[in-house]
Protein backbone atom coordinates (compact mmCIF):
# COMPACT_ATOMS: atom_id res chain seq x y z
CA MET A 1 225.16 11.07 96.92
CA VAL A 2 222.85 13.81 95.93
CA LYS A 3 223.79 15.62 92.78
CA LYS A 4 223.82 19.34 93.05
CA TYR A 5 223.34 22.12 90.34
CA GLY A 6 224.08 25.12 91.97
CA THR A 7 221.82 27.41 94.14
CA THR A 8 219.10 29.70 93.70
CA PRO A 9 219.22 33.53 94.17
CA SER A 10 218.06 32.94 97.67
CA GLY A 11 220.77 30.41 98.47
CA ARG A 12 218.50 27.23 98.19
CA GLU A 13 220.66 24.25 96.76
CA ILE A 14 219.27 22.99 93.32
CA THR A 15 218.84 19.18 93.27
CA GLU A 16 217.10 16.54 91.47
CA GLU A 17 214.53 16.71 93.90
CA PHE A 18 214.32 20.49 93.97
CA ILE A 19 213.82 20.29 90.09
CA ALA A 20 211.19 17.58 90.34
CA ASP A 21 209.15 19.63 92.93
CA ALA A 22 209.35 22.94 90.74
CA VAL A 23 208.46 20.75 87.53
CA ALA A 24 205.40 19.33 89.39
CA GLU A 25 204.22 22.77 90.69
CA ALA A 26 204.68 24.14 87.06
CA GLU A 27 202.55 21.46 85.75
CA LYS A 28 199.92 22.18 88.12
CA GLY A 29 199.76 25.72 86.99
CA TYR A 30 200.25 28.87 88.66
CA ASP A 31 197.55 31.39 90.06
CA LEU A 32 198.57 34.52 88.39
CA THR A 33 196.34 36.53 90.50
CA LYS A 34 198.94 35.95 93.46
CA VAL A 35 202.04 36.91 91.26
CA LYS A 36 203.58 39.89 92.38
CA LEU A 37 205.91 41.69 89.96
CA ARG A 38 208.92 43.53 91.74
CA ALA A 39 211.05 46.27 90.37
CA GLY A 40 214.54 45.03 89.53
CA PRO A 41 217.12 44.15 87.07
CA GLY A 42 215.41 43.36 83.55
CA ARG A 43 212.00 45.18 84.85
CA HIS A 44 211.38 48.44 83.37
CA PRO A 45 208.86 50.68 84.59
CA LEU A 46 206.23 51.71 81.94
CA LEU A 47 207.73 55.25 80.70
CA GLU A 48 205.75 55.70 77.72
CA SER A 49 203.16 53.97 75.53
CA LYS A 50 206.06 52.99 73.15
CA ALA A 51 209.58 51.81 73.79
CA ALA A 52 211.66 54.11 75.57
CA PRO A 53 215.18 54.78 74.40
CA VAL A 54 218.28 54.04 76.63
CA GLU A 55 221.02 56.64 77.10
CA SER A 56 224.40 55.84 78.55
CA VAL A 57 225.98 58.38 81.02
CA ARG A 58 229.10 58.11 82.97
CA LEU A 59 228.54 59.25 86.23
CA GLY A 60 231.97 58.76 88.15
CA VAL A 61 232.55 57.11 91.29
CA ASP A 62 231.50 59.77 93.74
CA LEU A 63 228.21 60.74 91.88
CA THR A 64 227.34 57.05 91.44
CA ARG A 65 227.71 56.46 95.09
CA LYS A 66 225.65 59.33 96.01
CA ALA A 67 222.97 58.71 93.59
CA THR A 68 222.77 54.97 94.64
CA GLU A 69 222.64 56.06 98.34
CA ARG A 70 219.65 58.70 97.50
CA ALA A 71 217.93 56.04 95.53
CA ARG A 72 217.97 53.63 98.34
CA ILE A 73 216.79 56.39 100.87
CA GLU A 74 213.91 57.26 98.50
CA GLY A 75 212.81 53.58 97.89
CA ILE A 76 213.38 53.93 94.11
CA THR A 77 215.86 52.74 91.45
CA LYS A 78 218.95 54.72 90.58
CA ALA A 79 217.46 55.05 86.94
CA GLU A 80 214.20 56.52 88.33
CA LEU A 81 216.35 58.99 90.39
CA ILE A 82 218.33 60.03 87.43
CA ARG A 83 214.88 60.45 85.23
CA LYS A 84 213.41 62.35 88.24
CA ALA A 85 216.25 64.77 88.43
CA LEU A 86 216.74 65.32 84.76
CA ARG A 87 212.87 65.98 84.53
CA GLU A 88 213.41 68.76 87.58
CA TYR A 89 216.38 70.39 85.75
CA LEU A 90 214.69 70.61 82.40
CA GLN A 91 211.50 72.03 84.15
CA HIS A 92 213.35 74.72 86.08
CA SER A 93 215.88 75.49 83.16
CA ALA A 94 213.33 76.42 80.49
């Protein structure tokens, strides 16, 4: 019987064989010129030359839904959509 440890985010089962293959690949080393960094959870865009402060804002269900949909349409994150909207508001309200 094959012992299973769960699944990867893509749904592939994690088994002893999977782990052994991953270790062998890692020990060979990775070609970092082929690594693609994608936006996503935990990958923050470079906002400034120093660490950017985090602000917490409650948007409500309807505004969150609309922002999520607009960000999806524009192909950006919801955080970038909010930064973009705030920049535009501040630029035009001065």
